[in-house]
Amino acid sequence: MIARHAGAALALVSALAVPSSVPAHATGRAPFTDPQLITAYSATVQYRYAPLATADGYEPHLCLARSQGGMGFHYFNESRFGSLDPAKPAGLLYEDTGNGERRLVGVEWVVPATGKNMERPRLFGHGFQGPMPGHYPGMPTHYDLHVWLYKKNPSGLFAQWNPNVKCPSSAMRGSAGR
């Protein structure tokens, strides 16, 4: 039990020790230079330790994957639906590590679609995907934007699907309107 808590503490310390002024992408690519991406990274790096995400109101949901790639396990904080603040994403994207833990791979902003004439939201200079139906009971029809801050995506930093992300065979897989 002590080893388990020590491992959790070590993960937390390493997550918080990542420099936040000009973070380097987890794959070793050049540092981000966009101030909004730096803000998003700095605000979410703590969630590399998944229990901090759940403590902050992010609830785990299904793992999404398709032939073109995956999104991983979605953790949503519904109080952040509608946020266009780079520091307050509504979703965190995790992949299974194979040892019962989850690794943060990306973040997601979710804006409910309200009315026929709602203009497509934009953040980081990119338009959101959608509108699309909710991915679980009670989730509204929405627009969303994925940003792969923690795992390289050969399809692009803002692509919806990441071919490098998979769902475990035992997890729910779905397309959920995507």
N, C-alpha and C. Protein backbone atom coordinates (compact mmCIF):
# COMPACT_ATOMS: atom_id res chain seq x y z
N MET A 1 0.82 -1.19 0.00
CA MET A 1 0.00 0.00 0.00
C MET A 1 0.87 1.26 0.00
N ILE A 2 1.95 1.23 0.75
CA ILE A 2 2.85 2.38 0.78
C ILE A 2 3.43 2.61 -0.61
N ALA A 3 3.80 1.53 -1.29
CA ALA A 3 4.36 1.67 -2.63
C ALA A 3 3.34 2.30 -3.58
N ARG A 4 2.09 1.94 -3.43
CA ARG A 4 1.04 2.51 -4.29
C ARG A 4 0.92 4.02 -4.06
N HIS A 5 0.89 4.43 -2.81
CA HIS A 5 0.79 5.86 -2.50
C HIS A 5 2.06 6.60 -2.91
N ALA A 6 3.19 5.96 -2.76
CA ALA A 6 4.45 6.59 -3.19
C ALA A 6 4.45 6.78 -4.69
N GLY A 7 3.94 5.79 -5.43
CA GLY A 7 3.85 5.92 -6.89
C GLY A 7 2.92 7.04 -7.29
N ALA A 8 1.80 7.16 -6.60
CA ALA A 8 0.86 8.24 -6.90
C ALA A 8 1.48 9.60 -6.59
N ALA A 9 2.18 9.69 -5.48
CA ALA A 9 2.83 10.95 -5.11
C ALA A 9 3.91 11.31 -6.12
N LEU A 10 4.67 10.32 -6.57
CA LEU A 10 5.71 10.56 -7.58
C LEU A 10 5.10 11.04 -8.89
N ALA A 11 3.99 10.43 -9.29
CA ALA A 11 3.30 10.85 -10.52
C ALA A 11 2.81 12.29 -10.40
N LEU A 12 2.28 12.63 -9.23
CA LEU A 12 1.79 13.98 -9.00
C LEU A 12 2.94 14.99 -9.05
N VAL A 13 4.04 14.69 -8.39
CA VAL A 13 5.19 15.59 -8.38
C VAL A 13 5.73 15.78 -9.79
N SER A 14 5.84 14.69 -10.55
CA SER A 14 6.36 14.83 -11.91
C SER A 14 5.39 15.60 -12.79
N ALA A 15 4.09 15.44 -12.57
CA ALA A 15 3.10 16.19 -13.36
C ALA A 15 3.21 17.68 -13.06
N LEU A 16 3.40 18.02 -11.80
CA LEU A 16 3.45 19.42 -11.42
C LEU A 16 4.81 20.05 -11.69
N ALA A 17 5.83 19.22 -11.90
CA ALA A 17 7.18 19.73 -12.13
C ALA A 17 7.43 20.15 -13.56
N VAL A 18 6.50 19.87 -14.45
CA VAL A 18 6.68 20.25 -15.84
C VAL A 18 6.65 21.76 -15.94
N PRO A 19 7.65 22.37 -16.58
CA PRO A 19 7.63 23.82 -16.68
C PRO A 19 6.39 24.29 -17.42
N SER A 20 5.78 25.38 -16.94
CA SER A 20 4.55 25.84 -17.56
C SER A 20 4.74 27.09 -18.40
N SER A 21 5.92 27.67 -18.39
CA SER A 21 6.09 28.90 -19.15
C SER A 21 6.12 28.64 -20.65
N VAL A 22 6.89 27.69 -21.10
CA VAL A 22 6.93 27.33 -22.52
C VAL A 22 7.03 25.80 -22.59
N PRO A 23 5.89 25.11 -22.44
CA PRO A 23 5.94 23.65 -22.38
C PRO A 23 6.33 23.01 -23.70
N ALA A 24 7.11 21.97 -23.62
CA ALA A 24 7.43 21.17 -24.80
C ALA A 24 6.39 20.07 -24.91
N HIS A 25 5.99 19.76 -26.12
CA HIS A 25 5.03 18.68 -26.35
C HIS A 25 5.63 17.39 -25.80
N ALA A 26 4.81 16.52 -25.28
CA ALA A 26 5.28 15.29 -24.65
C ALA A 26 6.09 14.42 -25.60
N THR A 27 5.96 14.64 -26.88
CA THR A 27 6.71 13.83 -27.84
C THR A 27 8.09 14.40 -28.12
N GLY A 28 8.43 15.52 -27.52
CA GLY A 28 9.74 16.11 -27.75
C GLY A 28 9.76 17.11 -28.90
N ARG A 29 8.58 17.44 -29.46
CA ARG A 29 8.54 18.43 -30.52
C ARG A 29 8.92 19.79 -29.95
N ALA A 30 9.07 20.74 -30.83
CA ALA A 30 9.42 22.10 -30.41
C ALA A 30 8.40 22.62 -29.42
N PRO A 31 8.82 23.49 -28.52
CA PRO A 31 7.89 24.06 -27.54
C PRO A 31 6.75 24.82 -28.22
N PHE A 32 5.59 24.84 -27.55
CA PHE A 32 4.48 25.64 -28.03
C PHE A 32 4.87 27.10 -27.90
N THR A 33 4.45 27.89 -28.87
CA THR A 33 4.70 29.33 -28.79
C THR A 33 3.41 30.13 -28.71
N ASP A 34 2.27 29.51 -29.02
CA ASP A 34 0.99 30.19 -28.94
C ASP A 34 0.63 30.38 -27.47
N PRO A 35 0.42 31.63 -27.02
CA PRO A 35 0.10 31.86 -25.61
C PRO A 35 -1.14 31.12 -25.12
N GLN A 36 -2.16 30.95 -25.99
CA GLN A 36 -3.36 30.23 -25.58
C GLN A 36 -3.06 28.74 -25.37
N LEU A 37 -2.21 28.14 -26.20
CA LEU A 37 -1.84 26.74 -26.01
C LEU A 37 -1.01 26.57 -24.74
N ILE A 38 -0.15 27.53 -24.47
CA ILE A 38 0.64 27.48 -23.23
C ILE A 38 -0.30 27.55 -22.03
N THR A 39 -1.31 28.40 -22.11
CA THR A 39 -2.31 28.50 -21.04
C THR A 39 -3.03 27.18 -20.84
N ALA A 40 -3.48 26.57 -21.96
CA ALA A 40 -4.20 25.30 -21.88
C ALA A 40 -3.32 24.22 -21.27
N TYR A 41 -2.09 24.15 -21.70
CA TYR A 41 -1.16 23.15 -21.18
C TYR A 41 -0.92 23.37 -19.68
N SER A 42 -0.64 24.61 -19.31
CA SER A 42 -0.35 24.93 -17.91
C SER A 42 -1.54 24.61 -17.00
N ALA A 43 -2.75 24.84 -17.52
CA ALA A 43 -3.96 24.61 -16.71
C ALA A 43 -4.33 23.14 -16.60
N THR A 44 -3.82 22.30 -17.50
CA THR A 44 -4.24 20.90 -17.51
C THR A 44 -3.13 19.91 -17.17
N VAL A 45 -1.90 20.35 -17.09
CA VAL A 45 -0.79 19.42 -16.84
C VAL A 45 -0.99 18.64 -15.54
N GLN A 46 -1.65 19.26 -14.56
CA GLN A 46 -1.90 18.56 -13.29
C GLN A 46 -2.77 17.32 -13.49
N TYR A 47 -3.57 17.30 -14.55
CA TYR A 47 -4.48 16.18 -14.79
C TYR A 47 -3.79 14.98 -15.42
N ARG A 48 -2.48 15.06 -15.59
CA ARG A 48 -1.75 13.84 -15.98
C ARG A 48 -1.94 12.79 -14.90
N TYR A 49 -2.22 13.22 -13.71
CA TYR A 49 -2.57 12.34 -12.61
C TYR A 49 -4.10 12.33 -12.55
N ALA A 50 -4.72 11.29 -13.14
CA ALA A 50 -6.17 11.23 -13.34
C ALA A 50 -6.99 11.45 -12.06
N PRO A 51 -6.57 10.99 -10.89
CA PRO A 51 -7.38 11.27 -9.70
C PRO A 51 -7.58 12.77 -9.42
N LEU A 52 -6.65 13.61 -9.85
CA LEU A 52 -6.87 15.06 -9.68
C LEU A 52 -7.99 15.54 -10.59
N ALA A 53 -8.12 14.92 -11.76
CA ALA A 53 -9.21 15.29 -12.67
C ALA A 53 -10.57 14.95 -12.05
N THR A 54 -10.69 13.76 -11.51
CA THR A 54 -11.97 13.38 -10.91
C THR A 54 -12.26 14.22 -9.66
N ALA A 55 -11.23 14.58 -8.92
CA ALA A 55 -11.41 15.45 -7.75
C ALA A 55 -11.90 16.84 -8.16
N ASP A 56 -11.56 17.27 -9.38
CA ASP A 56 -11.98 18.57 -9.89
C ASP A 56 -13.28 18.50 -10.69
N GLY A 57 -13.99 17.40 -10.61
CA GLY A 57 -15.31 17.32 -11.23
C GLY A 57 -15.36 16.70 -12.62
N TYR A 58 -14.26 16.16 -13.11
CA TYR A 58 -14.27 15.47 -14.40
C TYR A 58 -14.71 14.03 -14.18
N GLU A 59 -15.78 13.62 -14.86
CA GLU A 59 -16.32 12.28 -14.71
C GLU A 59 -15.95 11.41 -15.90
N PRO A 60 -15.46 10.19 -15.64
CA PRO A 60 -15.07 9.31 -16.75
C PRO A 60 -16.27 8.79 -17.53
N HIS A 61 -16.10 8.72 -18.85
CA HIS A 61 -17.11 8.19 -19.76
C HIS A 61 -16.43 7.22 -20.72
N LEU A 62 -17.15 6.78 -21.70
CA LEU A 62 -16.66 5.74 -22.59
C LEU A 62 -15.43 6.13 -23.40
N CYS A 63 -14.79 5.10 -23.91
CA CYS A 63 -13.63 5.25 -24.79
C CYS A 63 -14.13 5.21 -26.23
N LEU A 64 -13.77 6.20 -27.02
CA LEU A 64 -14.20 6.27 -28.41
C LEU A 64 -13.06 5.93 -29.35
N ALA A 65 -13.34 5.04 -30.30
CA ALA A 65 -12.37 4.68 -31.33
C ALA A 65 -13.11 4.33 -32.60
N ARG A 66 -12.46 4.56 -33.71
CA ARG A 66 -12.94 4.23 -35.05
C ARG A 66 -11.76 3.73 -35.86
N SER A 67 -12.03 3.40 -37.11
CA SER A 67 -10.94 2.91 -37.96
C SER A 67 -9.87 3.99 -38.18
N GLN A 68 -10.25 5.28 -38.18
CA GLN A 68 -9.27 6.34 -38.40
C GLN A 68 -8.50 6.74 -37.15
N GLY A 69 -8.81 6.12 -36.04
CA GLY A 69 -8.09 6.41 -34.81
C GLY A 69 -9.02 6.46 -33.62
N GLY A 70 -8.49 6.98 -32.53
CA GLY A 70 -9.27 7.05 -31.31
C GLY A 70 -9.22 8.43 -30.70
N MET A 71 -10.06 8.58 -29.70
CA MET A 71 -10.04 9.77 -28.85
C MET A 71 -9.68 9.38 -27.43
N GLY A 72 -9.87 8.12 -27.12
CA GLY A 72 -9.59 7.64 -25.78
C GLY A 72 -10.78 7.80 -24.87
N PHE A 73 -10.52 7.64 -23.58
CA PHE A 73 -11.55 7.78 -22.56
C PHE A 73 -11.80 9.26 -22.35
N HIS A 74 -13.07 9.62 -22.39
CA HIS A 74 -13.47 11.00 -22.17
C HIS A 74 -13.80 11.21 -20.70
N TYR A 75 -13.24 12.24 -20.12
CA TYR A 75 -13.61 12.69 -18.77
C TYR A 75 -14.19 14.08 -18.96
N PHE A 76 -15.47 14.26 -18.61
CA PHE A 76 -16.13 15.54 -18.82
C PHE A 76 -16.47 16.22 -17.50
N ASN A 77 -16.31 17.52 -17.48
CA ASN A 77 -16.77 18.37 -16.38
C ASN A 77 -17.87 19.23 -16.99
N GLU A 78 -19.13 18.86 -16.74
CA GLU A 78 -20.27 19.52 -17.38
C GLU A 78 -20.38 21.00 -17.00
N SER A 79 -19.82 21.40 -15.88
CA SER A 79 -19.88 22.82 -15.51
C SER A 79 -19.03 23.66 -16.46
N ARG A 80 -18.18 23.01 -17.24
CA ARG A 80 -17.34 23.73 -18.20
C ARG A 80 -17.86 23.65 -19.64
N PHE A 81 -19.01 23.01 -19.84
CA PHE A 81 -19.62 23.03 -21.17
C PHE A 81 -19.90 24.49 -21.52
N GLY A 82 -19.52 24.90 -22.70
CA GLY A 82 -19.72 26.27 -23.14
C GLY A 82 -18.49 27.14 -22.97
N SER A 83 -17.49 26.65 -22.25
CA SER A 83 -16.27 27.43 -22.02
C SER A 83 -15.46 27.58 -23.30
N LEU A 84 -15.03 28.80 -23.56
CA LEU A 84 -14.05 29.06 -24.62
C LEU A 84 -12.76 29.60 -23.99
N ASP A 85 -12.61 29.35 -22.72
CA ASP A 85 -11.41 29.76 -21.99
C ASP A 85 -10.36 28.67 -22.18
N PRO A 86 -9.18 29.02 -22.71
CA PRO A 86 -8.14 28.00 -22.90
C PRO A 86 -7.77 27.26 -21.62
N ALA A 87 -7.98 27.88 -20.47
CA ALA A 87 -7.63 27.26 -19.19
C ALA A 87 -8.74 26.38 -18.63
N LYS A 88 -9.90 26.31 -19.32
CA LYS A 88 -11.03 25.57 -18.77
C LYS A 88 -11.69 24.65 -19.80
N PRO A 89 -10.98 23.61 -20.23
CA PRO A 89 -11.61 22.66 -21.15
C PRO A 89 -12.69 21.86 -20.43
N ALA A 90 -13.71 21.47 -21.19
CA ALA A 90 -14.79 20.65 -20.62
C ALA A 90 -14.41 19.19 -20.57
N GLY A 91 -13.45 18.77 -21.39
CA GLY A 91 -13.09 17.36 -21.46
C GLY A 91 -11.60 17.12 -21.42
N LEU A 92 -11.26 15.99 -20.85
CA LEU A 92 -9.88 15.49 -20.84
C LEU A 92 -9.91 14.13 -21.52
N LEU A 93 -8.91 13.84 -22.33
CA LEU A 93 -8.84 12.59 -23.08
C LEU A 93 -7.69 11.74 -22.55
N TYR A 94 -8.01 10.50 -22.20
CA TYR A 94 -7.01 9.59 -21.62
C TYR A 94 -6.95 8.30 -22.43
N GLU A 95 -5.79 7.67 -22.39
CA GLU A 95 -5.67 6.32 -22.94
C GLU A 95 -5.24 5.39 -21.82
N ASP A 96 -5.58 4.12 -22.01
CA ASP A 96 -5.23 3.10 -21.03
C ASP A 96 -3.73 2.81 -21.15
N THR A 97 -3.04 2.69 -20.01
CA THR A 97 -1.61 2.41 -20.03
C THR A 97 -1.30 0.92 -20.04
N GLY A 98 -2.32 0.09 -19.84
CA GLY A 98 -2.11 -1.35 -19.81
C GLY A 98 -1.86 -1.88 -18.41
N ASN A 99 -1.68 -0.99 -17.45
CA ASN A 99 -1.46 -1.43 -16.07
C ASN A 99 -2.54 -0.90 -15.12
N GLY A 100 -3.70 -0.59 -15.69
CA GLY A 100 -4.80 -0.12 -14.88
C GLY A 100 -4.84 1.37 -14.65
N GLU A 101 -3.92 2.10 -15.24
CA GLU A 101 -3.90 3.55 -15.08
C GLU A 101 -4.24 4.21 -16.41
N ARG A 102 -4.44 5.51 -16.36
CA ARG A 102 -4.77 6.27 -17.57
C ARG A 102 -3.74 7.38 -17.77
N ARG A 103 -3.39 7.59 -19.04
CA ARG A 103 -2.42 8.63 -19.41
C ARG A 103 -3.16 9.73 -20.18
N LEU A 104 -2.99 10.97 -19.77
CA LEU A 104 -3.59 12.12 -20.45
C LEU A 104 -2.96 12.27 -21.82
N VAL A 105 -3.81 12.36 -22.86
CA VAL A 105 -3.31 12.50 -24.23
C VAL A 105 -3.80 13.78 -24.90
N GLY A 106 -4.93 14.32 -24.43
CA GLY A 106 -5.47 15.52 -25.06
C GLY A 106 -6.53 16.18 -24.21
N VAL A 107 -7.01 17.32 -24.71
CA VAL A 107 -8.05 18.07 -24.03
C VAL A 107 -9.12 18.44 -25.05
N GLU A 108 -10.31 18.76 -24.56
CA GLU A 108 -11.43 19.01 -25.46
C GLU A 108 -12.33 20.11 -24.89
N TRP A 109 -12.76 21.01 -25.77
CA TRP A 109 -13.73 22.03 -25.42
C TRP A 109 -15.06 21.64 -26.03
N VAL A 110 -16.15 21.81 -25.29
CA VAL A 110 -17.49 21.42 -25.71
C VAL A 110 -18.41 22.63 -25.55
N VAL A 111 -19.09 22.99 -26.65
CA VAL A 111 -20.04 24.09 -26.62
C VAL A 111 -21.40 23.58 -27.08
N PRO A 112 -22.40 23.60 -26.19
CA PRO A 112 -23.73 23.14 -26.60
C PRO A 112 -24.25 23.95 -27.79
N ALA A 113 -24.89 23.26 -28.72
CA ALA A 113 -25.49 23.91 -29.89
C ALA A 113 -26.89 24.35 -29.48
N THR A 114 -27.09 25.65 -29.43
CA THR A 114 -28.39 26.18 -29.00
C THR A 114 -28.98 27.03 -30.11
N GLY A 115 -29.95 26.50 -30.80
CA GLY A 115 -30.62 27.24 -31.86
C GLY A 115 -30.02 26.97 -33.23
N LYS A 116 -30.80 27.24 -34.25
CA LYS A 116 -30.39 26.95 -35.63
C LYS A 116 -29.30 27.87 -36.13
N ASN A 117 -29.25 29.09 -35.63
CA ASN A 117 -28.32 30.07 -36.19
C ASN A 117 -27.07 30.27 -35.34
N MET A 118 -26.75 29.31 -34.51
CA MET A 118 -25.56 29.47 -33.68
C MET A 118 -24.32 29.42 -34.55
N GLU A 119 -23.49 30.40 -34.38
CA GLU A 119 -22.25 30.45 -35.15
C GLU A 119 -21.27 29.41 -34.59
N ARG A 120 -20.54 28.76 -35.50
CA ARG A 120 -19.56 27.74 -35.10
C ARG A 120 -18.50 28.39 -34.20
N PRO A 121 -18.30 27.86 -33.00
CA PRO A 121 -17.28 28.43 -32.10
C PRO A 121 -15.88 28.26 -32.67
N ARG A 122 -14.99 29.13 -32.22
CA ARG A 122 -13.57 29.07 -32.62
C ARG A 122 -12.71 29.26 -31.37
N LEU A 123 -11.59 28.57 -31.37
CA LEU A 123 -10.60 28.71 -30.30
C LEU A 123 -9.26 28.32 -30.89
N PHE A 124 -8.21 28.98 -30.51
CA PHE A 124 -6.86 28.73 -31.04
C PHE A 124 -6.82 28.96 -32.55
N GLY A 125 -7.75 29.77 -33.08
CA GLY A 125 -7.80 30.02 -34.52
C GLY A 125 -8.41 28.89 -35.32
N HIS A 126 -9.08 27.94 -34.67
CA HIS A 126 -9.67 26.78 -35.33
C HIS A 126 -11.17 26.70 -35.03
N GLY A 127 -11.95 26.34 -36.06
CA GLY A 127 -13.37 26.11 -35.87
C GLY A 127 -13.61 24.76 -35.21
N PHE A 128 -14.66 24.70 -34.42
CA PHE A 128 -15.04 23.46 -33.76
C PHE A 128 -15.69 22.50 -34.76
N GLN A 129 -15.70 21.21 -34.45
CA GLN A 129 -16.42 20.19 -35.21
C GLN A 129 -17.88 20.21 -34.76
N GLY A 130 -18.78 19.82 -35.67
CA GLY A 130 -20.18 19.68 -35.26
C GLY A 130 -21.09 20.60 -36.03
N PRO A 131 -22.34 20.69 -35.55
CA PRO A 131 -22.83 20.12 -34.31
C PRO A 131 -23.02 18.60 -34.42
N MET A 132 -23.01 17.94 -33.27
CA MET A 132 -23.15 16.49 -33.20
C MET A 132 -23.95 16.13 -31.96
N PRO A 133 -24.57 14.94 -31.98
CA PRO A 133 -25.34 14.52 -30.80
C PRO A 133 -24.42 14.24 -29.61
N GLY A 134 -25.01 14.27 -28.42
CA GLY A 134 -24.25 13.95 -27.21
C GLY A 134 -23.74 12.52 -27.24
N HIS A 135 -22.72 12.25 -26.46
CA HIS A 135 -22.05 10.94 -26.45
C HIS A 135 -22.52 10.04 -25.32
N TYR A 136 -23.34 10.59 -24.44
CA TYR A 136 -23.90 9.80 -23.34
C TYR A 136 -25.23 10.43 -22.97
N PRO A 137 -26.11 9.69 -22.31
CA PRO A 137 -27.43 10.23 -21.96
C PRO A 137 -27.31 11.54 -21.20
N GLY A 138 -28.02 12.55 -21.67
CA GLY A 138 -28.01 13.85 -21.01
C GLY A 138 -27.01 14.84 -21.58
N MET A 139 -26.05 14.36 -22.37
CA MET A 139 -25.10 15.29 -22.97
C MET A 139 -25.78 15.97 -24.15
N PRO A 140 -25.69 17.30 -24.23
CA PRO A 140 -26.42 18.01 -25.29
C PRO A 140 -25.77 17.85 -26.67
N THR A 141 -26.57 18.15 -27.70
CA THR A 141 -26.00 18.31 -29.03
C THR A 141 -25.01 19.45 -28.92
N HIS A 142 -23.85 19.31 -29.55
CA HIS A 142 -22.77 20.25 -29.27
C HIS A 142 -21.77 20.36 -30.43
N TYR A 143 -20.90 21.34 -30.28
CA TYR A 143 -19.68 21.49 -31.08
C TYR A 143 -18.53 21.11 -30.16
N ASP A 144 -17.45 20.58 -30.74
CA ASP A 144 -16.28 20.33 -29.90
C ASP A 144 -14.98 20.55 -30.65
N LEU A 145 -13.93 20.76 -29.90
CA LEU A 145 -12.59 20.95 -30.45
C LEU A 145 -11.61 20.15 -29.60
N HIS A 146 -10.86 19.27 -30.26
CA HIS A 146 -9.84 18.45 -29.59
C HIS A 146 -8.47 19.09 -29.81
N VAL A 147 -7.63 19.03 -28.79
CA VAL A 147 -6.26 19.50 -28.90
C VAL A 147 -5.38 18.43 -28.28
N TRP A 148 -4.48 17.88 -29.08
CA TRP A 148 -3.63 16.77 -28.64
C TRP A 148 -2.35 17.34 -28.03
N LEU A 149 -2.48 17.89 -26.84
CA LEU A 149 -1.36 18.52 -26.15
C LEU A 149 -0.36 17.52 -25.58
N TYR A 150 -0.80 16.30 -25.31
CA TYR A 150 0.04 15.37 -24.58
C TYR A 150 0.46 14.14 -25.36
N LYS A 151 -0.03 13.98 -26.57
CA LYS A 151 0.37 12.85 -27.41
C LYS A 151 0.35 13.30 -28.85
N LYS A 152 1.44 13.06 -29.54
CA LYS A 152 1.54 13.47 -30.94
C LYS A 152 0.43 12.84 -31.76
N ASN A 153 -0.15 13.66 -32.63
CA ASN A 153 -1.17 13.18 -33.54
C ASN A 153 -0.68 13.46 -34.96
N PRO A 154 -0.37 12.40 -35.73
CA PRO A 154 0.11 12.62 -37.09
C PRO A 154 -0.92 13.30 -37.99
N SER A 155 -2.19 13.29 -37.57
CA SER A 155 -3.24 13.96 -38.33
C SER A 155 -3.32 15.46 -38.02
N GLY A 156 -2.61 15.90 -36.99
CA GLY A 156 -2.57 17.31 -36.63
C GLY A 156 -2.97 17.56 -35.18
N LEU A 157 -2.47 18.64 -34.65
CA LEU A 157 -2.71 19.01 -33.25
C LEU A 157 -4.20 19.17 -32.95
N PHE A 158 -4.99 19.62 -33.94
CA PHE A 158 -6.41 19.89 -33.72
C PHE A 158 -7.32 18.88 -34.42
N ALA A 159 -6.79 17.77 -34.88
CA ALA A 159 -7.60 16.76 -35.56
C ALA A 159 -8.54 16.10 -34.56
N GLN A 160 -9.67 15.65 -35.06
CA GLN A 160 -10.67 15.03 -34.18
C GLN A 160 -10.21 13.65 -33.69
N TRP A 161 -9.65 12.86 -34.58
CA TRP A 161 -9.24 11.49 -34.26
C TRP A 161 -7.72 11.39 -34.29
N ASN A 162 -7.16 10.57 -33.40
CA ASN A 162 -5.71 10.37 -33.34
C ASN A 162 -5.42 8.90 -33.63
N PRO A 163 -4.74 8.60 -34.76
CA PRO A 163 -4.46 7.20 -35.07
C PRO A 163 -3.52 6.53 -34.07
N ASN A 164 -2.87 7.30 -33.22
CA ASN A 164 -1.99 6.74 -32.20
C ASN A 164 -2.71 6.41 -30.89
N VAL A 165 -4.01 6.66 -30.82
CA VAL A 165 -4.78 6.40 -29.60
C VAL A 165 -5.73 5.24 -29.86
N LYS A 166 -5.72 4.28 -28.97
CA LYS A 166 -6.56 3.08 -29.09
C LYS A 166 -7.40 2.93 -27.82
N CYS A 167 -8.49 2.20 -27.97
CA CYS A 167 -9.29 1.82 -26.81
C CYS A 167 -9.00 0.36 -26.50
N PRO A 168 -8.92 0.00 -25.22
CA PRO A 168 -8.72 -1.41 -24.89
C PRO A 168 -9.93 -2.23 -25.39
N SER A 169 -9.68 -3.45 -25.74
CA SER A 169 -10.77 -4.29 -26.27
C SER A 169 -11.89 -4.48 -25.27
N SER A 170 -11.59 -4.37 -23.98
CA SER A 170 -12.63 -4.56 -22.96
C SER A 170 -13.45 -3.29 -22.73
N ALA A 171 -12.98 -2.15 -23.24
CA ALA A 171 -13.70 -0.88 -23.03
C ALA A 171 -14.78 -0.71 -24.07
N MET A 172 -15.78 0.10 -23.74
CA MET A 172 -16.80 0.41 -24.73
C MET A 172 -16.15 1.18 -25.87
N ARG A 173 -16.48 0.80 -27.08
CA ARG A 173 -16.02 1.53 -28.24
C ARG A 173 -17.25 2.12 -28.88
N GLY A 174 -17.12 3.27 -29.47
CA GLY A 174 -18.29 3.83 -30.11
C GLY A 174 -17.93 4.91 -31.08
N SER A 175 -18.91 5.30 -31.83
CA SER A 175 -18.72 6.43 -32.72
C SER A 175 -19.46 7.65 -32.20
N ALA A 176 -20.49 7.40 -31.43
CA ALA A 176 -21.25 8.46 -30.74
C ALA A 176 -21.45 9.69 -31.61
N GLY A 177 -21.84 9.48 -32.85
CA GLY A 177 -22.16 10.60 -33.69
C GLY A 177 -20.97 11.28 -34.29
N ARG A 178 -19.82 10.74 -34.15
CA ARG A 178 -18.62 11.37 -34.65
C ARG A 178 -18.18 10.66 -35.89
